Amino acid sequence: MKNLIRICLVVILMFLLSFTLNAQEHYAKLEKNRNIQASGLIHQLNKTRDTLILKSDKKINYLYSINKDYGREFDFYIDTTYYKLPLNKLAKGKHVLVAVQSPKRIVFVVRVLKDIPTKPQSIKVVSEDLMLTEPKVVATRNN
């Protein structure tokens, strides 16, 4: 009887753990700035974790990144309250991002865990008159 209970517990535990092991592998991880003075800037990743979303009630003037080799990977003048940064522009590794809201500088970390694929560009149809059609074959009888 004790062995049956143990077996049932192990099966239930394995069943519950299988949900966490089969979860979608994320592209990036965000380490937020927890400082109370940085609470004016909402920084989060989207559901697929391939885009960084910045929101604020005040203007975000500037955004730059420092990578693991202490080099700046990008510098953007934003001058808006809402900004989306696709993370496929960042190399794999740790990046310290600095959002400048004069006079504050809000620092947080984004870790790119694996290369993010770029989305394929869709083909735009300019005119339906230019659409290709399949040629038709007409059979004729020679009498």
C-alpha atoms as a PDB file:
ATOM      1  CA  MET A   1       0.000   0.000   0.000  1.00  0.00           C
ATOM      2  CA  LYS A   2       2.851   2.406   0.828  1.00  0.00           C
ATOM      3  CA  ASN A   3       4.494   1.684  -2.534  1.00  0.00           C
ATOM      4  CA  LEU A   4       1.252   2.436  -4.379  1.00  0.00           C
ATOM      5  CA  ILE A   5       0.988   5.845  -2.686  1.00  0.00           C
ATOM      6  CA  ARG A   6       4.621   6.620  -3.496  1.00  0.00           C
ATOM      7  CA  ILE A   7       4.150   5.622  -7.121  1.00  0.00           C
ATOM      8  CA  CYS A   8       1.028   7.812  -7.381  1.00  0.00           C
ATOM      9  CA  LEU A   9       2.879  10.772  -5.864  1.00  0.00           C
ATOM     10  CA  VAL A  10       5.781  10.346  -8.269  1.00  0.00           C
ATOM     11  CA  VAL A  11       3.425  10.128 -11.251  1.00  0.00           C
ATOM     12  CA  ILE A  12       1.535  13.245 -10.151  1.00  0.00           C
ATOM     13  CA  LEU A  13       4.795  15.119  -9.571  1.00  0.00           C
ATOM     14  CA  MET A  14       6.133  14.145 -13.000  1.00  0.00           C
ATOM     15  CA  PHE A  15       2.832  15.212 -14.574  1.00  0.00           C
ATOM     16  CA  LEU A  16       3.018  18.641 -12.936  1.00  0.00           C
ATOM     17  CA  LEU A  17       6.679  19.115 -13.821  1.00  0.00           C
ATOM     18  CA  SER A  18       6.035  18.244 -17.460  1.00  0.00           C
ATOM     19  CA  PHE A  19       4.058  21.487 -17.862  1.00  0.00           C
ATOM     20  CA  THR A  20       6.999  23.622 -16.773  1.00  0.00           C
ATOM     21  CA  LEU A  21       9.531  21.689 -18.827  1.00  0.00           C
ATOM     22  CA  ASN A  22       7.545  22.017 -22.046  1.00  0.00           C
ATOM     23  CA  ALA A  23       7.063  25.767 -21.713  1.00  0.00           C
ATOM     24  CA  GLN A  24       8.109  28.019 -24.564  1.00  0.00           C
ATOM     25  CA  GLU A  25      11.760  28.915 -24.418  1.00  0.00           C
ATOM     26  CA  HIS A  26      12.129  32.667 -24.175  1.00  0.00           C
ATOM     27  CA  TYR A  27      14.384  34.853 -26.278  1.00  0.00           C
ATOM     28  CA  ALA A  28      15.205  37.371 -23.568  1.00  0.00           C
ATOM     29  CA  LYS A  29      14.999  38.052 -19.852  1.00  0.00           C
ATOM     30  CA  LEU A  30      14.387  41.463 -18.299  1.00  0.00           C
ATOM     31  CA  GLU A  31      15.819  42.508 -14.942  1.00  0.00           C
ATOM     32  CA  LYS A  32      13.731  45.526 -13.978  1.00  0.00           C
ATOM     33  CA  ASN A  33      14.865  48.556 -12.026  1.00  0.00           C
ATOM     34  CA  ARG A  34      13.043  48.317  -8.693  1.00  0.00           C
ATOM     35  CA  ASN A  35      14.009  51.787  -7.464  1.00  0.00           C
ATOM     36  CA  ILE A  36      11.018  53.907  -6.436  1.00  0.00           C
ATOM     37  CA  GLN A  37      12.317  56.841  -8.469  1.00  0.00           C
ATOM     38  CA  ALA A  38      12.244  54.630 -11.581  1.00  0.00           C
ATOM     39  CA  SER A  39       8.577  53.750 -11.122  1.00  0.00           C
ATOM     40  CA  GLY A  40       7.581  56.418 -13.665  1.00  0.00           C
ATOM     41  CA  LEU A  41       9.037  54.294 -16.472  1.00  0.00           C
ATOM     42  CA  ILE A  42       7.221  51.050 -17.217  1.00  0.00           C
ATOM     43  CA  HIS A  43       9.634  48.681 -18.932  1.00  0.00           C
ATOM     44  CA  GLN A  44       8.475  45.216 -19.911  1.00  0.00           C
ATOM     45  CA  LEU A  45       8.787  42.576 -22.609  1.00  0.00           C
ATOM     46  CA  ASN A  46       5.925  41.593 -24.889  1.00  0.00           C
ATOM     47  CA  LYS A  47       4.314  38.130 -24.744  1.00  0.00           C
ATOM     48  CA  THR A  48       6.769  36.525 -27.161  1.00  0.00           C
ATOM     49  CA  ARG A  49       9.669  38.254 -25.376  1.00  0.00           C
ATOM     50  CA  ASP A  50      11.235  39.581 -28.547  1.00  0.00           C
ATOM     51  CA  THR A  51      10.380  43.272 -28.077  1.00  0.00           C
ATOM     52  CA  LEU A  52      11.059  45.688 -25.226  1.00  0.00           C
ATOM     53  CA  ILE A  53       8.172  48.058 -24.473  1.00  0.00           C
ATOM     54  CA  LEU A  54       8.840  51.374 -22.722  1.00  0.00           C
ATOM     55  CA  LYS A  55       5.961  53.527 -21.405  1.00  0.00           C
ATOM     56  CA  SER A  56       6.057  56.637 -19.292  1.00  0.00           C
ATOM     57  CA  ASP A  57       3.977  59.632 -18.340  1.00  0.00           C
ATOM     58  CA  LYS A  58       6.999  61.886 -19.025  1.00  0.00           C
ATOM     59  CA  LYS A  59       9.039  61.999 -22.232  1.00  0.00           C
ATOM     60  CA  ILE A  60      11.808  59.460 -22.718  1.00  0.00           C
ATOM     61  CA  ASN A  61      14.528  61.562 -24.294  1.00  0.00           C
ATOM     62  CA  TYR A  62      17.242  59.058 -25.048  1.00  0.00           C
ATOM     63  CA  LEU A  63      17.907  55.301 -24.925  1.00  0.00           C
ATOM     64  CA  TYR A  64      21.253  53.595 -25.193  1.00  0.00           C
ATOM     65  CA  SER A  65      22.730  50.170 -24.536  1.00  0.00           C
ATOM     66  CA  ILE A  66      26.045  49.034 -23.130  1.00  0.00           C
ATOM     67  CA  ASN A  67      26.913  45.439 -24.000  1.00  0.00           C
ATOM     68  CA  LYS A  68      29.120  42.927 -22.204  1.00  0.00           C
ATOM     69  CA  ASP A  69      32.247  44.337 -23.911  1.00  0.00           C
ATOM     70  CA  TYR A  70      31.503  47.836 -22.512  1.00  0.00           C
ATOM     71  CA  GLY A  71      30.669  49.121 -25.977  1.00  0.00           C
ATOM     72  CA  ARG A  72      27.548  51.006 -26.977  1.00  0.00           C
ATOM     73  CA  GLU A  73      25.430  48.853 -29.211  1.00  0.00           C
ATOM     74  CA  PHE A  74      22.894  51.554 -30.048  1.00  0.00           C
ATOM     75  CA  ASP A  75      21.995  55.171 -29.236  1.00  0.00           C
ATOM     76  CA  PHE A  76      18.469  56.401 -29.967  1.00  0.00           C
ATOM     77  CA  TYR A  77      16.919  59.819 -29.557  1.00  0.00           C
ATOM     78  CA  ILE A  78      13.319  58.914 -28.754  1.00  0.00           C
ATOM     79  CA  ASP A  79      11.500  62.052 -27.476  1.00  0.00           C
ATOM     80  CA  THR A  80       8.213  60.241 -26.917  1.00  0.00           C
ATOM     81  CA  THR A  81       6.328  58.594 -24.054  1.00  0.00           C
ATOM     82  CA  TYR A  82       5.936  55.173 -25.721  1.00  0.00           C
ATOM     83  CA  TYR A  83       8.594  53.154 -27.552  1.00  0.00           C
ATOM     84  CA  LYS A  84       9.007  49.587 -28.804  1.00  0.00           C
ATOM     85  CA  LEU A  85      12.525  48.234 -29.293  1.00  0.00           C
ATOM     86  CA  PRO A  86      12.827  44.971 -31.262  1.00  0.00           C
ATOM     87  CA  LEU A  87      15.453  42.872 -29.506  1.00  0.00           C
ATOM     88  CA  ASN A  88      16.688  41.260 -32.727  1.00  0.00           C
ATOM     89  CA  LYS A  89      18.899  44.357 -33.049  1.00  0.00           C
ATOM     90  CA  LEU A  90      20.839  43.236 -29.966  1.00  0.00           C
ATOM     91  CA  ALA A  91      23.561  40.607 -29.932  1.00  0.00           C
ATOM     92  CA  LYS A  92      23.314  37.570 -27.699  1.00  0.00           C
ATOM     93  CA  GLY A  93      24.390  38.317 -24.117  1.00  0.00           C
ATOM     94  CA  LYS A  94      23.911  40.864 -21.349  1.00  0.00           C
ATOM     95  CA  HIS A  95      22.949  44.452 -22.164  1.00  0.00           C
ATOM     96  CA  VAL A  96      22.621  47.315 -19.719  1.00  0.00           C
ATOM     97  CA  LEU A  97      20.015  49.740 -21.061  1.00  0.00           C
ATOM     98  CA  VAL A  98      19.794  53.334 -19.924  1.00  0.00           C
ATOM     99  CA  ALA A  99      16.632  55.361 -20.497  1.00  0.00           C
ATOM    100  CA  VAL A 100      17.182  59.078 -20.021  1.00  0.00           C
ATOM    101  CA  GLN A 101      14.289  61.144 -18.694  1.00  0.00           C
ATOM    102  CA  SER A 102      15.920  64.469 -17.912  1.00  0.00           C
ATOM    103  CA  PRO A 103      17.388  64.751 -15.307  1.00  0.00           C
ATOM    104  CA  LYS A 104      16.967  61.025 -14.400  1.00  0.00           C
ATOM    105  CA  ARG A 105      18.718  58.031 -15.866  1.00  0.00           C
ATOM    106  CA  ILE A 106      16.912  54.734 -15.378  1.00  0.00           C
ATOM    107  CA  VAL A 107      19.124  51.679 -15.695  1.00  0.00           C
ATOM    108  CA  PHE A 108      17.910  48.111 -16.275  1.00  0.00           C
ATOM    109  CA  VAL A 109      19.289  44.888 -17.749  1.00  0.00           C
ATOM    110  CA  VAL A 110      18.141  42.820 -20.729  1.00  0.00           C
ATOM    111  CA  ARG A 111      19.710  39.428 -21.266  1.00  0.00           C
ATOM    112  CA  VAL A 112      19.301  38.087 -24.799  1.00  0.00           C
ATOM    113  CA  LEU A 113      19.326  34.315 -24.337  1.00  0.00           C
ATOM    114  CA  LYS A 114      19.340  33.238 -27.976  1.00  0.00           C
ATOM    115  CA  ASP A 115      19.303  34.791 -31.431  1.00  0.00           C
ATOM    116  CA  ILE A 116      15.928  36.251 -32.324  1.00  0.00           C
ATOM    117  CA  PRO A 117      14.777  35.558 -35.890  1.00  0.00           C
ATOM    118  CA  THR A 118      13.698  38.533 -37.952  1.00  0.00           C
ATOM    119  CA  LYS A 119      10.141  38.572 -39.228  1.00  0.00           C
ATOM    120  CA  PRO A 120       9.866  38.052 -42.989  1.00  0.00           C
ATOM    121  CA  GLN A 121       8.617  41.066 -44.873  1.00  0.00           C
ATOM    122  CA  SER A 122       5.303  40.600 -46.586  1.00  0.00           C
ATOM    123  CA  ILE A 123       4.891  41.256 -50.292  1.00  0.00           C
ATOM    124  CA  LYS A 124       2.738  44.266 -50.985  1.00  0.00           C
ATOM    125  CA  VAL A 125       0.311  44.065 -53.940  1.00  0.00           C
ATOM    126  CA  VAL A 126       0.299  47.419 -55.702  1.00  0.00           C
ATOM    127  CA  SER A 127      -2.365  46.662 -58.264  1.00  0.00           C
ATOM    128  CA  GLU A 128      -4.488  43.619 -58.930  1.00  0.00           C
ATOM    129  CA  ASP A 129      -4.073  44.205 -62.669  1.00  0.00           C
ATOM    130  CA  LEU A 130      -0.455  43.106 -62.343  1.00  0.00           C
ATOM    131  CA  MET A 131      -1.311  39.750 -60.800  1.00  0.00           C
ATOM    132  CA  LEU A 132       0.074  36.780 -62.718  1.00  0.00           C
ATOM    133  CA  THR A 133      -2.394  34.300 -64.091  1.00  0.00           C
ATOM    134  CA  GLU A 134      -1.875  30.778 -65.322  1.00  0.00           C
ATOM    135  CA  PRO A 135      -1.984  30.523 -69.134  1.00  0.00           C
ATOM    136  CA  LYS A 136      -4.946  28.616 -70.522  1.00  0.00           C
ATOM    137  CA  VAL A 137      -4.508  25.914 -73.161  1.00  0.00           C
ATOM    138  CA  VAL A 138      -7.234  25.650 -75.764  1.00  0.00           C
ATOM    139  CA  ALA A 139      -7.598  22.429 -77.721  1.00  0.00           C
ATOM    140  CA  THR A 140      -8.831  22.682 -81.307  1.00  0.00           C
ATOM    141  CA  ARG A 141      -9.957  19.995 -83.726  1.00  0.00           C
ATOM    142  CA  ASN A 142      -8.610  19.863 -87.206  1.00  0.00           C
ATOM    143  CA  ASN A 143     -11.363  18.662 -89.552  1.00  0.00           C
END
